[in-house]
């Protein structure tokens, strides 16, 4: 028998939903699946391998449990997985800010010095970008369930860990995070071809097809396979993250940019992980349909070349994931953090990307947005403090997915009216609205700084003399938001015109 690697010791299964278990066996074989506790079998199912040997068995929905054993048999073959839990499972998707390991987090010592929490587990699917790569290299550092201890914690997603830690404490059940992410990837990497064709996102396909036509693909493939830095088979591949993730000054960035480059550096060819649709087939389809409660998603930086269509692409991507799981999975998205410049890459397109993210959260059912307006860095695309992000994602999950009556959303502009020389701004989720500090940051009226204060739960702005006013809040690449609600969540960006 062969099973997807996600089925292994220490795994967490989703409670309250049917659990699909799949694999391969000799064609025509009956596969028996049993999940047992100390008292005996608590769930069982059978499946029949088809002509290609594929099978899928479905266990019924289960309640919270720990210390279970999953046993499978087909003919004379037996497979056993121990220390299985039933609790809450979330998929952690996106690019490097989701992948960003706790090893590099500014507050990692606090997490690493805690005693082991047996109710938190983390699985990372190997970062493979072409068929057969798993067999060509040793990917044993991935593809198993890590436990929440000082040896394994450094290789958790920092956002995933802080999310799981808060969620587990609030719910009191096992929590499993399934990492399926890769730094530098745009949303089109995580979609099927059919989700891009005939939509705004088709531009990603047409650009890639044009590149392939213009390049010597055989030469590219030969280079790609011979370049060690292209193989991502260790938690920290080569020395790249060790250099980039702790943070570099602008001068250090310039020196590295002037260093030697390989001939295909930055070229997205036929094996590159950032090509459209590749990771959908090589990673995401290998994880789905592992039963999960929802998705935490931190991505968008790499969609800046086509920022204006990101909302349409993101909507189609969410639809694609829900179709793959056959489940209307909730999506908790992180809005892109404030950012100025990093290795020559500018945050100029970020206001557009953030606006796209807000539109998706407003239009698509069961999508909610996590504010990061106080968590960015001017000269680094990778903020070092991930705890606020993970904790705010957990708040969103508790409020919207688990039904707690708590303030969990960021203040969002609801309405604006003019009263003489003042603008009065009302907010959704603005309970306990306050400014942290002496003056409001990130606000511009007709491009100028203007006085503003909180009165009750409204923001009041003193308007300059003019016929029309363009009011912008956090509408730049980099800014520092200090307008919060009572839950300590910073307000979302907005831009409005007022007559």
Protein backbone atom coordinates (compact mmCIF):
# COMPACT_ATOMS: atom_id res chain seq x y z
CA UNK A 1 0.00 0.00 0.00
CA UNK A 2 0.99 3.58 -0.60
CA UNK A 3 -0.48 6.48 1.34
CA UNK A 4 -0.10 10.24 0.93
CA UNK A 5 2.62 11.35 3.34
CA UNK A 6 0.20 13.48 5.34
CA UNK A 7 -1.17 10.25 6.83
CA UNK A 8 1.49 9.48 9.42
CA UNK A 9 2.25 9.31 13.14
CA UNK A 10 1.17 12.31 15.26
CA UNK A 11 -1.34 13.58 12.69
CA UNK A 12 -4.44 15.58 13.58
CA UNK A 13 -7.75 14.66 11.94
CA UNK A 14 -10.59 17.16 11.59
CA UNK A 15 -13.42 16.72 14.07
CA UNK A 16 -17.06 16.97 13.05
CA UNK A 17 -16.49 16.23 9.35
CA UNK A 18 -16.25 12.95 7.41
CA UNK A 19 -12.59 11.97 7.11
CA UNK A 20 -11.44 10.86 3.66
CA UNK A 21 -8.43 8.51 3.68
CA UNK A 22 -6.98 7.60 0.31
CA UNK A 23 -4.06 5.77 -1.22
CA UNK A 24 -2.94 3.12 -3.65
CA UNK A 25 -3.00 -0.66 -3.41
CA UNK A 26 -2.99 -3.65 -5.73
CA UNK A 27 -5.89 -3.32 -8.16
CA UNK A 28 -9.01 -5.07 -6.90
CA UNK A 29 -7.83 -5.25 -3.29
CA UNK A 30 -10.19 -4.48 -0.43
CA UNK A 31 -8.65 -1.97 1.96
CA UNK A 32 -9.84 -1.91 5.57
CA UNK A 33 -9.39 1.19 7.74
CA UNK A 34 -9.79 1.20 11.54
CA UNK A 35 -9.35 4.01 14.04
CA UNK A 36 -8.98 2.77 17.61
CA UNK A 37 -8.51 4.06 21.14
CA UNK A 38 -7.52 2.13 24.25
CA UNK A 39 -11.01 0.62 24.47
CA UNK A 40 -11.11 -0.59 20.87
CA UNK A 41 -12.32 0.46 17.42
CA UNK A 42 -14.20 3.78 17.34
CA UNK A 43 -14.56 4.08 13.55
CA UNK A 44 -14.02 1.82 10.57
CA UNK A 45 -14.45 1.87 6.80
CA UNK A 46 -13.62 -0.17 3.72
CA UNK A 47 -12.72 0.71 0.14
CA UNK A 48 -12.06 -1.23 -3.05
CA UNK A 49 -8.98 -0.37 -5.13
CA UNK A 50 -9.97 0.39 -8.72
CA UNK A 51 -8.23 -0.82 -11.87
CA UNK A 52 -5.48 1.75 -11.35
CA UNK A 53 -5.09 0.76 -7.69
CA UNK A 54 -6.53 4.00 -6.30
CA UNK A 55 -8.91 3.81 -3.34
CA UNK A 56 -10.60 6.13 -0.87
CA UNK A 57 -12.35 5.22 2.36
CA UNK A 58 -14.36 7.64 4.46
CA UNK A 59 -14.56 7.52 8.23
CA UNK A 60 -17.59 9.13 9.86
CA UNK A 61 -17.38 12.47 11.61
CA UNK A 62 -15.71 12.13 15.02
CA UNK A 63 -15.49 14.03 18.27
CA UNK A 64 -12.28 15.27 19.91
CA UNK A 65 -9.88 12.47 20.80
CA UNK A 66 -6.21 11.88 21.53
CA UNK A 67 -3.80 8.95 21.49
CA UNK A 68 -5.58 7.03 18.73
CA UNK A 69 -4.17 4.41 16.37
CA UNK A 70 -5.02 4.31 12.66
CA UNK A 71 -4.56 0.87 11.08
CA UNK A 72 -4.96 -0.09 7.44
CA UNK A 73 -4.84 -3.52 5.88
CA UNK A 74 -5.00 -4.83 2.33
CA UNK A 75 -4.40 -8.54 1.87
CA UNK A 76 -1.26 -9.37 3.84
CA UNK A 77 -0.13 -5.74 4.09
CA UNK A 78 -0.51 -3.70 7.27
CA UNK A 79 0.14 0.00 7.93
CA UNK A 80 -0.11 1.55 11.40
CA UNK A 81 -0.03 5.19 12.55
CA UNK A 82 0.20 6.05 16.24
CA UNK A 83 -0.47 9.10 18.42
CA UNK A 84 -3.33 10.30 16.21
CA UNK A 85 -5.57 13.12 17.45
CA UNK A 86 -8.95 14.44 16.39
CA UNK A 87 -9.40 18.18 16.68
CA UNK A 88 -9.14 21.23 14.43
CA UNK A 89 -7.11 21.33 11.20
CA UNK A 90 -6.21 24.47 9.25
CA UNK A 91 -4.34 24.80 5.94
CA UNK A 92 -1.59 27.47 6.02
CA UNK A 93 -1.17 28.77 2.46
CA UNK A 94 0.65 31.61 0.76
CA UNK A 95 4.22 32.76 0.22
CA UNK A 96 7.25 33.59 2.35
CA UNK A 97 5.49 35.54 5.10
CA UNK A 98 3.42 32.43 5.82
CA UNK A 99 6.39 30.11 5.30
CA UNK A 100 8.56 32.32 7.57
CA UNK A 101 9.92 30.03 10.26
CA UNK A 102 9.63 30.64 13.98
CA UNK A 103 13.44 30.27 14.03
CA UNK A 104 13.66 33.85 12.65
CA UNK A 105 10.79 35.43 14.58
CA UNK A 106 11.71 38.33 16.87
CA UNK A 107 9.89 36.68 19.78
CA UNK A 108 10.97 33.09 19.19
CA UNK A 109 12.65 32.62 22.56
CA UNK A 110 9.35 33.02 24.38
CA UNK A 111 7.82 30.23 22.30
CA UNK A 112 10.87 27.96 22.32
CA UNK A 113 11.24 28.08 26.11
CA UNK A 114 7.72 26.86 26.78
CA UNK A 115 7.09 23.19 27.69
CA UNK A 116 5.90 20.93 24.89
CA UNK A 117 2.25 21.29 23.97
CA UNK A 118 1.06 17.86 22.76
CA UNK A 119 -2.12 19.41 21.38
CA UNK A 120 -0.34 21.40 18.64
CA UNK A 121 1.07 19.66 15.55
CA UNK A 122 2.40 20.97 12.24
CA UNK A 123 2.82 19.32 8.83
CA UNK A 124 4.74 20.86 5.91
CA UNK A 125 4.29 19.43 2.42
CA UNK A 126 7.68 19.27 0.61
CA UNK A 127 8.40 22.13 -1.77
CA UNK A 128 8.56 20.28 -5.08
CA UNK A 129 8.19 22.05 -8.41
CA UNK A 130 8.39 19.25 -11.01
CA UNK A 131 7.29 15.64 -11.39
CA UNK A 132 9.77 13.14 -9.99
CA UNK A 133 11.60 15.63 -7.76
CA UNK A 134 10.58 13.77 -4.61
CA UNK A 135 12.37 10.68 -5.89
CA UNK A 136 15.48 12.56 -7.08
CA UNK A 137 16.39 14.15 -3.74
CA UNK A 138 16.11 13.54 -0.03
CA UNK A 139 13.02 15.38 1.26
CA UNK A 140 12.93 13.59 4.61
CA UNK A 141 13.06 16.92 6.48
CA UNK A 142 9.48 17.48 5.31
CA UNK A 143 6.34 15.44 4.96
CA UNK A 144 5.82 14.39 8.58
CA UNK A 145 3.90 15.77 11.54
CA UNK A 146 6.10 17.89 13.78
CA UNK A 147 5.35 18.15 17.48
CA UNK A 148 5.29 21.37 19.46
CA UNK A 149 8.61 21.10 21.28
CA UNK A 150 11.88 23.05 21.31
CA UNK A 151 13.48 20.74 18.72
CA UNK A 152 10.67 20.97 16.17
CA UNK A 153 9.23 24.43 16.85
CA UNK A 154 11.93 26.40 14.97
CA UNK A 155 10.65 24.92 11.69
CA UNK A 156 7.00 25.80 12.26
CA UNK A 157 5.52 28.67 10.30
CA UNK A 158 5.65 31.52 12.83
CA UNK A 159 2.20 32.78 11.79
CA UNK A 160 0.90 29.20 11.88
CA UNK A 161 2.34 28.61 15.34
CA UNK A 162 0.94 31.78 16.92
CA UNK A 163 -2.44 31.07 15.31
CA UNK A 164 -2.46 27.49 16.59
CA UNK A 165 -1.25 28.45 20.06
CA UNK A 166 -4.07 30.95 20.59
CA UNK A 167 -6.71 28.75 18.97
CA UNK A 168 -5.72 25.68 21.02
CA UNK A 169 -5.79 27.67 24.25
CA UNK A 170 -9.26 29.06 23.43
CA UNK A 171 -10.84 25.80 22.25
CA UNK A 172 -9.00 23.29 24.43
CA UNK A 173 -8.73 20.77 21.57
CA UNK A 174 -5.86 19.45 19.43
CA UNK A 175 -4.93 21.79 16.57
CA UNK A 176 -3.05 20.74 13.43
CA UNK A 177 -1.59 23.16 10.88
CA UNK A 178 -0.95 21.84 7.36
CA UNK A 179 1.64 24.01 5.61
CA UNK A 180 1.26 24.19 1.84
CA UNK A 181 3.11 27.37 0.84
CA UNK A 182 6.21 28.63 -0.97
CA UNK A 183 8.02 31.97 -0.88
CA UNK A 184 7.76 34.21 -3.92
CA UNK A 185 4.68 32.55 -5.41
CA UNK A 186 1.77 34.43 -6.94
CA UNK A 187 -1.83 33.26 -6.63
CA UNK A 188 -1.79 31.74 -10.14
CA UNK A 189 0.75 29.16 -8.96
CA UNK A 190 -1.95 27.68 -6.72
CA UNK A 191 -4.70 27.38 -9.34
CA UNK A 192 -5.68 24.94 -12.07
CA UNK A 193 -5.37 26.00 -15.71
CA UNK A 194 -9.16 25.98 -16.03
CA UNK A 195 -9.39 28.62 -13.29
CA UNK A 196 -7.19 31.02 -15.27
CA UNK A 197 -8.40 30.50 -18.83
CA UNK A 198 -11.09 32.94 -19.86
CA UNK A 199 -10.61 35.12 -16.78
CA UNK A 200 -8.55 38.18 -15.91
CA UNK A 201 -5.90 35.84 -14.55
CA UNK A 202 -5.24 34.41 -18.00
CA UNK A 203 -2.51 37.03 -18.42
CA UNK A 204 -0.30 34.94 -16.10
CA UNK A 205 -0.67 31.98 -18.47
CA UNK A 206 -0.15 33.92 -21.69
CA UNK A 207 2.98 35.63 -20.35
CA UNK A 208 4.42 32.29 -19.28
CA UNK A 209 3.61 30.63 -22.61
CA UNK A 210 5.35 33.48 -24.43
CA UNK A 211 8.44 33.05 -22.24
CA UNK A 212 8.56 29.34 -23.03
CA UNK A 213 8.34 30.02 -26.75
CA UNK A 214 11.25 32.46 -26.59
CA UNK A 215 13.65 30.39 -24.46
CA UNK A 216 15.78 27.32 -25.04
CA UNK A 217 13.79 25.05 -22.74
CA UNK A 218 16.25 22.14 -22.85
CA UNK A 219 19.09 24.43 -21.82
CA UNK A 220 16.98 25.91 -19.05
CA UNK A 221 16.01 22.48 -17.70
CA UNK A 222 19.63 21.36 -17.71
CA UNK A 223 20.61 24.48 -15.77
CA UNK A 224 17.71 24.18 -13.32
CA UNK A 225 18.51 20.57 -12.43
CA UNK A 226 22.21 21.32 -11.93
CA UNK A 227 21.76 24.43 -9.77
CA UNK A 228 21.71 23.38 -6.06
CA UNK A 229 19.80 26.46 -4.93
CA UNK A 230 16.78 25.30 -6.95
CA UNK A 231 16.30 22.26 -4.71
CA UNK A 232 14.32 23.16 -1.60
CA UNK A 233 14.72 19.91 0.34
CA UNK A 234 15.84 21.30 3.72
CA UNK A 235 13.98 23.53 6.19
CA UNK A 236 16.51 26.26 5.42
CA UNK A 237 17.72 25.62 1.86
CA UNK A 238 21.32 26.72 1.44
CA UNK A 239 22.22 30.00 3.12
CA UNK A 240 19.58 32.19 1.46
CA UNK A 241 17.05 32.48 4.33
CA UNK A 242 19.86 32.75 6.88
CA UNK A 243 20.98 35.87 5.00
CA UNK A 244 17.60 37.37 4.13
CA UNK A 245 15.19 36.59 6.96
CA UNK A 246 17.05 38.11 9.93
CA UNK A 247 17.03 41.43 8.09
CA UNK A 248 19.51 43.46 6.04
CA UNK A 249 20.22 47.16 5.80
CA UNK A 250 19.65 48.91 2.47
CA UNK A 251 23.42 49.04 1.95
CA UNK A 252 23.72 45.29 2.49
CA UNK A 253 20.87 44.71 0.08
CA UNK A 254 22.59 46.82 -2.59
CA UNK A 255 25.85 44.89 -2.19
CA UNK A 256 24.07 41.58 -2.64
CA UNK A 257 22.19 42.90 -5.68
CA UNK A 258 25.53 43.77 -7.27
CA UNK A 259 26.93 40.27 -6.68
CA UNK A 260 27.29 37.51 -9.31
CA UNK A 261 24.14 36.11 -10.88
CA UNK A 262 23.45 32.79 -12.56
CA UNK A 263 22.42 32.96 -16.22
CA UNK A 264 18.76 32.14 -15.53
CA UNK A 265 18.48 34.05 -12.27
CA UNK A 266 14.85 35.15 -11.86
CA UNK A 267 13.72 33.49 -15.10
CA UNK A 268 10.48 31.54 -14.62
CA UNK A 269 10.90 28.55 -16.89
CA UNK A 270 9.20 25.14 -17.23
CA UNK A 271 10.37 23.79 -13.85
CA UNK A 272 10.25 26.99 -11.81
CA UNK A 273 7.95 26.95 -8.74
CA UNK A 274 6.51 30.36 -9.67
CA UNK A 275 5.12 29.22 -13.03
CA UNK A 276 1.32 29.25 -13.27
CA UNK A 277 -0.51 26.17 -11.97
CA UNK A 278 2.61 24.17 -11.11
CA UNK A 279 2.21 24.04 -7.33
CA UNK A 280 -1.52 23.44 -7.59
CA UNK A 281 -0.77 20.07 -9.14
CA UNK A 282 2.51 19.22 -7.41
CA UNK A 283 1.67 20.29 -3.85
CA UNK A 284 -1.96 21.29 -3.27
CA UNK A 285 -3.51 18.27 -4.99
CA UNK A 286 -1.28 16.04 -2.86
CA UNK A 287 -2.76 17.51 0.32
CA UNK A 288 -6.44 17.77 -0.70
CA UNK A 289 -8.95 16.58 0.29
CA UNK A 290 -7.43 16.13 3.77
CA UNK A 291 -10.32 17.25 5.94
CA UNK A 292 -9.82 20.73 7.40
CA UNK A 293 -11.82 23.48 9.06
CA UNK A 294 -10.44 26.30 6.91
CA UNK A 295 -7.49 28.17 5.40
CA UNK A 296 -5.21 30.88 6.74
CA UNK A 297 -3.73 32.74 3.77
CA UNK A 298 -0.84 35.23 3.67
CA UNK A 299 0.07 36.13 0.09
CA UNK A 300 -0.13 38.89 -2.51
CA UNK A 301 3.34 40.43 -2.59
CA UNK A 302 4.22 38.53 -5.78
CA UNK A 303 1.03 39.60 -7.57
CA UNK A 304 2.27 43.19 -7.85
CA UNK A 305 2.99 42.92 -11.64
CA UNK A 306 -0.78 42.61 -12.15
CA UNK A 307 -2.02 44.23 -8.97
CA UNK A 308 -5.17 45.62 -10.59
CA UNK A 309 -6.61 42.14 -11.26
CA UNK A 310 -5.61 40.53 -7.98
CA UNK A 311 -9.16 40.56 -6.61
CA UNK A 312 -10.46 38.53 -9.58
CA UNK A 313 -7.54 36.10 -9.44
CA UNK A 314 -7.90 35.66 -5.69
CA UNK A 315 -11.64 35.03 -5.95
CA UNK A 316 -11.03 32.32 -8.55
CA UNK A 317 -8.27 30.80 -6.43
CA UNK A 318 -10.56 30.55 -3.40
CA UNK A 319 -13.19 28.95 -5.62
CA UNK A 320 -10.58 26.49 -6.92
CA UNK A 321 -9.50 25.42 -3.43
CA UNK A 322 -13.08 24.98 -2.28
CA UNK A 323 -13.82 22.85 -5.34
CA UNK A 324 -10.74 20.71 -4.71
CA UNK A 325 -11.80 20.07 -1.11
CA UNK A 326 -15.50 19.86 -2.04
CA UNK A 327 -16.05 22.08 0.98
CA UNK A 328 -16.84 25.79 1.40
CA UNK A 329 -13.69 26.33 3.47
CA UNK A 330 -13.48 29.63 5.36
CA UNK A 331 -10.51 31.79 4.27
CA UNK A 332 -8.81 34.05 6.81
CA UNK A 333 -6.53 36.38 4.83
CA UNK A 334 -3.73 38.63 6.02
CA UNK A 335 -3.78 42.04 4.40
CA UNK A 336 -0.31 42.94 3.09
CA UNK A 337 1.79 44.61 5.75
CA UNK A 338 3.22 48.13 5.34
CA UNK A 339 6.31 48.01 3.16
CA UNK A 340 8.57 50.51 1.40
CA UNK A 341 11.39 48.83 -0.49
CA UNK A 342 13.41 45.61 -0.39
CA UNK A 343 16.11 44.52 -2.85
CA UNK A 344 14.88 47.11 -5.32
CA UNK A 345 11.28 45.94 -5.05
CA UNK A 346 8.90 48.77 -4.23
CA UNK A 347 5.66 48.79 -2.24
CA UNK A 348 4.13 51.19 -4.77
CA UNK A 349 1.51 48.66 -5.91
CA UNK A 350 0.56 47.60 -2.39
CA UNK A 351 -2.35 50.05 -1.91
CA UNK A 352 -3.99 48.47 -4.97
CA UNK A 353 -3.30 44.95 -3.72
CA UNK A 354 -4.69 45.76 -0.29
CA UNK A 355 -7.83 47.27 -1.82
CA UNK A 356 -8.26 44.07 -3.86
CA UNK A 357 -7.98 42.01 -0.69
CA UNK A 358 -10.65 44.13 0.99
CA UNK A 359 -12.99 43.75 -1.99
CA UNK A 360 -12.61 39.97 -1.90
CA UNK A 361 -13.39 39.90 1.82
CA UNK A 362 -16.50 42.03 1.18
CA UNK A 363 -17.74 40.05 -1.85
CA UNK A 364 -16.92 36.41 -1.15
CA UNK A 365 -18.83 34.56 1.58
CA UNK A 366 -16.78 33.22 4.50
CA UNK A 367 -13.69 35.30 3.73
CA UNK A 368 -12.37 37.61 6.44
CA UNK A 369 -9.44 39.99 6.52
CA UNK A 370 -6.72 40.28 9.16
CA UNK A 371 -5.24 43.77 9.58
CA UNK A 372 -1.45 44.10 9.68
CA UNK A 373 -1.29 47.91 9.58
CA UNK A 374 1.03 48.16 12.58
CA UNK A 375 3.24 45.15 11.78
CA UNK A 376 5.28 46.15 8.72
CA UNK A 377 8.86 47.25 8.06
CA UNK A 378 9.94 50.04 5.74
CA UNK A 379 13.03 48.32 4.33
CA UNK A 380 12.10 44.64 4.68
CA UNK A 381 9.34 42.64 3.02
CA UNK A 382 9.43 40.10 5.89
CA UNK A 383 8.17 41.63 9.15
CA UNK A 384 9.94 40.02 12.12
CA UNK A 385 7.02 40.11 14.57
CA UNK A 386 4.51 37.49 13.44
CA UNK A 387 2.73 37.07 16.77
CA UNK A 388 0.17 39.90 16.20
CA UNK A 389 -0.75 38.37 12.84
CA UNK A 390 -1.22 34.85 14.17
CA UNK A 391 -3.20 36.06 17.15
CA UNK A 392 -5.52 38.25 15.02
CA UNK A 393 -6.14 35.32 12.67
CA UNK A 394 -7.09 33.25 15.71
CA UNK A 395 -9.50 36.01 16.81
CA UNK A 396 -11.15 35.91 13.37
CA UNK A 397 -11.48 32.14 13.58
CA UNK A 398 -12.95 32.27 17.08
CA UNK A 399 -15.46 34.95 16.15
CA UNK A 400 -16.54 33.92 12.66
CA UNK A 401 -15.86 30.18 12.44
CA UNK A 402 -16.36 29.01 16.02
CA UNK A 403 -19.13 31.45 16.87
CA UNK A 404 -17.71 33.25 19.89
CA UNK A 405 -19.28 36.62 20.64
CA UNK A 406 -16.08 38.66 20.52
CA UNK A 407 -14.73 41.71 18.72
CA UNK A 408 -12.47 40.13 16.10
CA UNK A 409 -12.54 42.35 12.97
CA UNK A 410 -10.50 45.43 12.14
CA UNK A 411 -12.19 48.85 12.15
CA UNK A 412 -13.38 49.49 8.58
CA UNK A 413 -14.74 52.76 7.24
CA UNK A 414 -18.54 52.60 7.01
CA UNK A 415 -19.70 56.14 6.30
CA UNK A 416 -18.44 59.71 6.15
CA UNK A 417 -20.29 63.00 6.44
CA UNK A 418 -19.27 66.64 6.52
CA UNK A 419 -20.26 69.01 9.30
CA UNK A 420 -18.96 72.48 8.46
CA UNK A 421 -15.17 72.30 8.43
CA UNK A 422 -15.06 68.81 9.88
CA UNK A 423 -15.40 65.31 8.40
CA UNK A 424 -17.06 62.71 10.65
CA UNK A 425 -16.06 59.11 9.88
CA UNK A 426 -18.02 56.14 11.19
CA UNK A 427 -16.53 52.64 11.37
CA UNK A 428 -17.75 49.09 11.43
CA UNK A 429 -16.10 47.14 14.26
CA UNK A 430 -14.96 50.44 15.75
CA UNK A 431 -15.98 49.59 19.32
CA UNK A 432 -13.70 51.43 21.72
CA UNK A 433 -11.95 53.28 18.88
CA UNK A 434 -8.81 55.06 20.06
CA UNK A 435 -5.53 56.58 18.84
CA UNK A 436 -2.42 55.08 20.38
CA UNK A 437 -0.11 58.07 20.83
CA UNK A 438 -0.40 61.82 20.57
CA UNK A 439 -1.49 62.13 16.92
CA UNK A 440 -3.06 60.00 14.22
CA UNK A 441 -0.57 58.46 11.79
CA UNK A 442 -1.03 57.60 8.11
CA UNK A 443 -3.78 60.16 7.42
CA UNK A 444 -3.56 62.60 4.50
CA UNK A 445 -6.17 65.10 3.28
CA UNK A 446 -5.38 66.48 -0.18
CA UNK A 447 -1.89 65.14 0.39
CA UNK A 448 -1.35 67.04 3.65
CA UNK A 449 -1.28 66.00 7.29
CA UNK A 450 -4.44 67.16 9.08
CA UNK A 451 -5.49 67.15 12.74
CA UNK A 452 -7.82 64.31 13.73
CA UNK A 453 -9.25 62.96 16.95
CA UNK A 454 -11.64 60.30 18.18
CA UNK A 455 -15.02 61.44 19.51
CA UNK A 456 -17.07 58.56 20.85
CA UNK A 457 -16.58 55.87 18.22
CA UNK A 458 -16.09 58.27 15.31
CA UNK A 459 -12.96 59.78 13.82
CA UNK A 460 -13.23 63.54 13.41
CA UNK A 461 -10.94 65.31 10.92
CA UNK A 462 -10.41 69.06 10.70
CA UNK A 463 -10.58 69.80 6.97
CA UNK A 464 -8.34 72.35 5.24
CA UNK A 465 -9.83 75.13 3.12
CA UNK A 466 -10.75 73.57 -0.23
CA UNK A 467 -13.72 72.79 -2.51
CA UNK A 468 -13.09 69.04 -2.56
CA UNK A 469 -11.22 66.75 -0.20
CA UNK A 470 -9.42 63.49 -0.91
CA UNK A 471 -9.06 61.68 2.40
CA UNK A 472 -6.54 58.85 2.43
CA UNK A 473 -5.68 56.61 5.34
CA UNK A 474 -2.83 54.06 5.10
CA UNK A 475 -2.88 54.54 1.32
CA UNK A 476 0.85 54.18 0.73
CA UNK A 477 3.35 51.38 0.46
CA UNK A 478 4.66 51.97 3.96
CA UNK A 479 2.80 53.53 6.89
CA UNK A 480 2.29 53.02 10.62
CA UNK A 481 -1.31 52.68 11.73
CA UNK A 482 -2.08 53.70 15.32
CA UNK A 483 -5.90 53.78 15.14
CA UNK A 484 -7.29 50.76 17.02
CA UNK A 485 -10.50 49.28 18.35
CA UNK A 486 -10.92 47.84 21.84
CA UNK A 487 -9.53 44.47 20.70
CA UNK A 488 -6.23 46.11 19.75
CA UNK A 489 -6.80 45.60 16.01
CA UNK A 490 -5.57 48.42 13.71
CA UNK A 491 -7.94 50.06 11.23
CA UNK A 492 -8.00 49.04 7.56
CA UNK A 493 -6.87 51.44 4.79
CA UNK A 494 -9.40 53.62 2.99
CA UNK A 495 -9.55 56.40 0.38
CA UNK A 496 -12.57 58.63 -0.15
CA UNK A 497 -13.57 61.82 -1.98
CA UNK A 498 -15.66 64.40 -0.11
CA UNK A 499 -17.41 67.47 -1.52
